[in-house]
Amino acid sequence: MIIKFPFIKGEGVVTLLKIDNLSKIFNIHILGDKVIEGCDDVSFIVERGEFLGISGPSGAGKSTILKCIYRTYLPSGGDIWYDSVLYEQVNLAAIADHMVIGLRHKEIGYVSQFLKVIPRVSAIDIVAEPLLLKNGASPGEAKTKAGELLERLNIPQKLFDAYPATFSGGEQQRVNIARAIIWKPRLLLLDEPTASLDKDSTAIVMELLKEMRSEGTLMVGIFHDNELMELMADRIYRVNLGAKS
């Protein structure tokens, strides 16, 4: 049974994500069941088309919050209410694994700091794959759009058919970002996507994210550059070690 949360909906306002008292505790068995607090008492809402930035010192739990939303981590407490297209209003902290997979397949995207390189798969095929699997595009259409996006991210055409394992760190991350955004997920989680990028590449990525936001994509993200996040985010949720503000 899906218990529905009364989302805020009014003229010009549609709340798509509501985090309520989220917490995550890690039990480290190899250290004698030592308990480490990942995050605690996290609460915020995000509206359609809004970018919420998460700021705080290293170790404060920023990435843990994103991984709980994506369900890489199963929260220890609290609720993550998401108003989805696929299942309507669901609690991401409690729904079945197959529903989480369905949402990742159709609605929720995630950009980490690192590309998980797929052996012997070309850059253009890595980027095109989400359009084939998630959007049902034809192989030709998917490759065309993938090539256009890679070009926009300044990946040379000579590298399209090369393997990203041979790329520089910045090139790998641009392929990583392209793969995550090409299918235009409804909710996009960003975990320091520009940390390994130069100034010009970062500017291009910010432009692409702004375009997606203007089309209605909901974003929650962490950036290593606080000035950059302040320019990008509509609001910033600040977390500290053991506290939030």
Foldseek 3Di string as FASTA:
>chain_A
DFDADPFDDDVVWGWFKWWAFWWAWDQDVVVVRDIDTQETGDTDIFTWLFEEEEDEDPSLNQVVVVCCQLVVDQIPDTWIWGQDPVPGTHTSNDDDPVVSVVCCLEAEFEFALAAPFDPQAALLCLLLVSCCRRVVDDPVVSSVLSVVQLVLLVDDPVRRNPGCVPPDSQSRLSSRLSSRPSVLHQEYEYEQSCPPPDPVSVVSSLVSVNVSSVVTRYYYYYHPDPVVCVVRGPYYWYGYRVGTD
